[in-house]
C-alpha atoms as a PDB file:
ATOM      1  CA  UNK A   1     -83.189  13.080 -76.681  1.00  0.00           C
ATOM      2  CA  UNK A   2     -79.757  13.876 -75.277  1.00  0.00           C
ATOM      3  CA  UNK A   3     -76.240  12.889 -76.199  1.00  0.00           C
ATOM      4  CA  UNK A   4     -73.516  11.560 -73.955  1.00  0.00           C
ATOM      5  CA  UNK A   5     -70.001  10.629 -75.023  1.00  0.00           C
ATOM      6  CA  UNK A   6     -70.323   7.457 -72.939  1.00  0.00           C
ATOM      7  CA  UNK A   7     -73.849   6.408 -73.798  1.00  0.00           C
ATOM      8  CA  UNK A   8     -74.444   8.028 -77.154  1.00  0.00           C
ATOM      9  CA  UNK A   9     -77.961   9.241 -77.841  1.00  0.00           C
ATOM     10  CA  UNK A  10     -80.405   8.520 -75.025  1.00  0.00           C
ATOM     11  CA  UNK A  11     -83.964   9.384 -74.258  1.00  0.00           C
ATOM     12  CA  UNK A  12     -83.317   9.734 -70.526  1.00  0.00           C
ATOM     13  CA  UNK A  13     -83.978   6.060 -69.801  1.00  0.00           C
ATOM     14  CA  UNK A  14     -81.536   3.780 -68.028  1.00  0.00           C
ATOM     15  CA  UNK A  15     -79.670   1.472 -70.405  1.00  0.00           C
ATOM     16  CA  UNK A  16     -80.088  -2.285 -70.331  1.00  0.00           C
ATOM     17  CA  UNK A  17     -76.539  -2.737 -69.079  1.00  0.00           C
ATOM     18  CA  UNK A  18     -77.160  -0.308 -66.222  1.00  0.00           C
ATOM     19  CA  UNK A  19     -80.369  -2.125 -65.286  1.00  0.00           C
ATOM     20  CA  UNK A  20     -78.544  -5.449 -65.363  1.00  0.00           C
ATOM     21  CA  UNK A  21     -75.742  -4.114 -63.146  1.00  0.00           C
ATOM     22  CA  UNK A  22     -78.332  -2.736 -60.717  1.00  0.00           C
ATOM     23  CA  UNK A  23     -80.145  -6.084 -60.657  1.00  0.00           C
ATOM     24  CA  UNK A  24     -76.880  -7.952 -60.031  1.00  0.00           C
ATOM     25  CA  UNK A  25     -76.085  -5.592 -57.153  1.00  0.00           C
ATOM     26  CA  UNK A  26     -79.523  -6.191 -55.632  1.00  0.00           C
ATOM     27  CA  UNK A  27     -79.099  -9.949 -56.003  1.00  0.00           C
ATOM     28  CA  UNK A  28     -75.697  -9.782 -54.303  1.00  0.00           C
ATOM     29  CA  UNK A  29     -77.202  -7.786 -51.436  1.00  0.00           C
ATOM     30  CA  UNK A  30     -80.052 -10.279 -51.127  1.00  0.00           C
ATOM     31  CA  UNK A  31     -77.575 -13.188 -51.115  1.00  0.00           C
ATOM     32  CA  UNK A  32     -75.597 -11.507 -48.319  1.00  0.00           C
ATOM     33  CA  UNK A  33     -78.777 -10.930 -46.338  1.00  0.00           C
ATOM     34  CA  UNK A  34     -79.806 -14.555 -46.860  1.00  0.00           C
ATOM     35  CA  UNK A  35     -76.401 -15.781 -45.682  1.00  0.00           C
ATOM     36  CA  UNK A  36     -76.620 -13.607 -42.567  1.00  0.00           C
ATOM     37  CA  UNK A  37     -80.161 -14.829 -41.849  1.00  0.00           C
ATOM     38  CA  UNK A  38     -79.084 -18.439 -42.319  1.00  0.00           C
ATOM     39  CA  UNK A  39     -76.118 -18.037 -39.967  1.00  0.00           C
ATOM     40  CA  UNK A  40     -78.410 -16.432 -37.379  1.00  0.00           C
ATOM     41  CA  UNK A  41     -80.856 -19.367 -37.461  1.00  0.00           C
ATOM     42  CA  UNK A  42     -78.064 -21.959 -37.511  1.00  0.00           C
ATOM     43  CA  UNK A  43     -76.687 -20.494 -34.275  1.00  0.00           C
ATOM     44  CA  UNK A  44     -80.041 -20.880 -32.502  1.00  0.00           C
ATOM     45  CA  UNK A  45     -81.142 -23.889 -30.480  1.00  0.00           C
ATOM     46  CA  UNK A  46     -84.603 -25.441 -30.598  1.00  0.00           C
ATOM     47  CA  UNK A  47     -86.038 -27.631 -27.868  1.00  0.00           C
ATOM     48  CA  UNK A  48     -89.084 -29.869 -27.876  1.00  0.00           C
ATOM     49  CA  UNK A  49     -90.435 -32.150 -25.193  1.00  0.00           C
ATOM     50  CA  UNK A  50     -93.036 -34.887 -25.215  1.00  0.00           C
ATOM     51  CA  UNK A  51     -94.684 -37.098 -22.664  1.00  0.00           C
ATOM     52  CA  UNK A  52     -95.223 -34.231 -20.244  1.00  0.00           C
ATOM     53  CA  UNK A  53     -91.523 -33.398 -20.345  1.00  0.00           C
ATOM     54  CA  UNK A  54     -90.378 -37.000 -19.942  1.00  0.00           C
ATOM     55  CA  UNK A  55     -88.280 -36.767 -23.110  1.00  0.00           C
ATOM     56  CA  UNK A  56     -86.648 -33.610 -24.405  1.00  0.00           C
ATOM     57  CA  UNK A  57     -84.647 -33.072 -27.590  1.00  0.00           C
ATOM     58  CA  UNK A  58     -82.454 -30.096 -28.437  1.00  0.00           C
ATOM     59  CA  UNK A  59     -81.263 -29.321 -31.968  1.00  0.00           C
ATOM     60  CA  UNK A  60     -79.557 -26.374 -33.608  1.00  0.00           C
ATOM     61  CA  UNK A  61     -80.518 -24.492 -36.746  1.00  0.00           C
ATOM     62  CA  UNK A  62     -78.177 -26.716 -38.748  1.00  0.00           C
ATOM     63  CA  UNK A  63     -80.593 -29.532 -37.824  1.00  0.00           C
ATOM     64  CA  UNK A  64     -77.989 -31.301 -35.727  1.00  0.00           C
ATOM     65  CA  UNK A  65     -79.173 -33.080 -32.585  1.00  0.00           C
ATOM     66  CA  UNK A  66     -77.369 -31.513 -29.622  1.00  0.00           C
ATOM     67  CA  UNK A  67     -78.959 -33.394 -26.748  1.00  0.00           C
ATOM     68  CA  UNK A  68     -81.658 -35.860 -25.789  1.00  0.00           C
ATOM     69  CA  UNK A  69     -82.763 -35.857 -22.159  1.00  0.00           C
ATOM     70  CA  UNK A  70     -84.814 -38.726 -20.743  1.00  0.00           C
ATOM     71  CA  UNK A  71     -86.258 -38.548 -17.257  1.00  0.00           C
ATOM     72  CA  UNK A  72     -85.923 -41.760 -15.233  1.00  0.00           C
ATOM     73  CA  UNK A  73     -89.692 -42.162 -14.937  1.00  0.00           C
ATOM     74  CA  UNK A  74     -89.890 -42.425 -18.738  1.00  0.00           C
ATOM     75  CA  UNK A  75     -87.794 -45.577 -18.698  1.00  0.00           C
ATOM     76  CA  UNK A  76     -90.042 -48.602 -18.469  1.00  0.00           C
ATOM     77  CA  UNK A  77     -88.224 -51.836 -19.371  1.00  0.00           C
ATOM     78  CA  UNK A  78     -91.609 -53.342 -20.210  1.00  0.00           C
ATOM     79  CA  UNK A  79     -92.402 -50.609 -22.766  1.00  0.00           C
ATOM     80  CA  UNK A  80     -89.223 -49.693 -24.615  1.00  0.00           C
ATOM     81  CA  UNK A  81     -91.215 -48.941 -27.772  1.00  0.00           C
ATOM     82  CA  UNK A  82     -93.032 -46.069 -26.088  1.00  0.00           C
ATOM     83  CA  UNK A  83     -89.714 -44.511 -25.033  1.00  0.00           C
ATOM     84  CA  UNK A  84     -88.370 -44.894 -28.557  1.00  0.00           C
ATOM     85  CA  UNK A  85     -91.494 -43.250 -29.985  1.00  0.00           C
ATOM     86  CA  UNK A  86     -91.168 -40.350 -27.545  1.00  0.00           C
ATOM     87  CA  UNK A  87     -87.517 -39.795 -28.504  1.00  0.00           C
ATOM     88  CA  UNK A  88     -88.378 -39.813 -32.211  1.00  0.00           C
ATOM     89  CA  UNK A  89     -91.308 -37.447 -31.636  1.00  0.00           C
ATOM     90  CA  UNK A  90     -89.247 -34.987 -29.606  1.00  0.00           C
ATOM     91  CA  UNK A  91     -86.405 -34.957 -32.132  1.00  0.00           C
ATOM     92  CA  UNK A  92     -88.783 -34.554 -35.069  1.00  0.00           C
ATOM     93  CA  UNK A  93     -90.603 -31.666 -33.379  1.00  0.00           C
ATOM     94  CA  UNK A  94     -87.361 -29.858 -32.577  1.00  0.00           C
ATOM     95  CA  UNK A  95     -86.193 -30.354 -36.181  1.00  0.00           C
ATOM     96  CA  UNK A  96     -89.542 -29.055 -37.442  1.00  0.00           C
ATOM     97  CA  UNK A  97     -89.111 -25.925 -35.317  1.00  0.00           C
ATOM     98  CA  UNK A  98     -85.616 -25.379 -36.732  1.00  0.00           C
ATOM     99  CA  UNK A  99     -86.848 -25.808 -40.302  1.00  0.00           C
ATOM    100  CA  UNK A 100     -89.765 -23.467 -39.714  1.00  0.00           C
ATOM    101  CA  UNK A 101     -87.451 -20.811 -38.263  1.00  0.00           C
ATOM    102  CA  UNK A 102     -85.137 -21.089 -41.287  1.00  0.00           C
ATOM    103  CA  UNK A 103     -88.057 -20.821 -43.712  1.00  0.00           C
ATOM    104  CA  UNK A 104     -89.469 -17.802 -41.895  1.00  0.00           C
ATOM    105  CA  UNK A 105     -86.065 -16.134 -41.830  1.00  0.00           C
ATOM    106  CA  UNK A 106     -85.542 -16.693 -45.570  1.00  0.00           C
ATOM    107  CA  UNK A 107     -89.053 -15.449 -46.371  1.00  0.00           C
ATOM    108  CA  UNK A 108     -88.319 -12.270 -44.436  1.00  0.00           C
ATOM    109  CA  UNK A 109     -85.252 -11.668 -46.614  1.00  0.00           C
ATOM    110  CA  UNK A 110     -86.758 -12.661 -49.966  1.00  0.00           C
ATOM    111  CA  UNK A 111     -90.279 -11.407 -49.437  1.00  0.00           C
ATOM    112  CA  UNK A 112     -91.529 -14.927 -50.172  1.00  0.00           C
ATOM    113  CA  UNK A 113     -89.891 -15.143 -53.618  1.00  0.00           C
ATOM    114  CA  UNK A 114     -88.961 -18.619 -54.786  1.00  0.00           C
ATOM    115  CA  UNK A 115     -85.291 -18.131 -55.637  1.00  0.00           C
ATOM    116  CA  UNK A 116     -84.601 -21.805 -56.326  1.00  0.00           C
ATOM    117  CA  UNK A 117     -84.829 -21.233 -60.065  1.00  0.00           C
ATOM    118  CA  UNK A 118     -82.054 -18.622 -59.758  1.00  0.00           C
ATOM    119  CA  UNK A 119     -79.779 -21.031 -57.936  1.00  0.00           C
ATOM    120  CA  UNK A 120     -79.928 -19.054 -54.676  1.00  0.00           C
END
């Protein structure tokens, strides 16, 4: 056992306060990495098409719809419902891709930890 004017008598182990400070530092670093990963995904664009390319939707990582492209041959006045379904399908697929990319990016940073209980 040693003595230190700062820490008093110690047995060579790191104090609880030092461990807590180290943990807080690691959490701050992880939060910064998560923010950077999130910004990276939010800047990306995701595109999905359906109906053999008749309808295409483009979204960003913020899950905002940027564009919907409809080829003229997809427009059938007699079957508007099919066109509507294709638009919904394309948008949903592009949004799914964006969500999957965000989840993968966060898992890479956190190692798959569920940080929701920590408020992160």
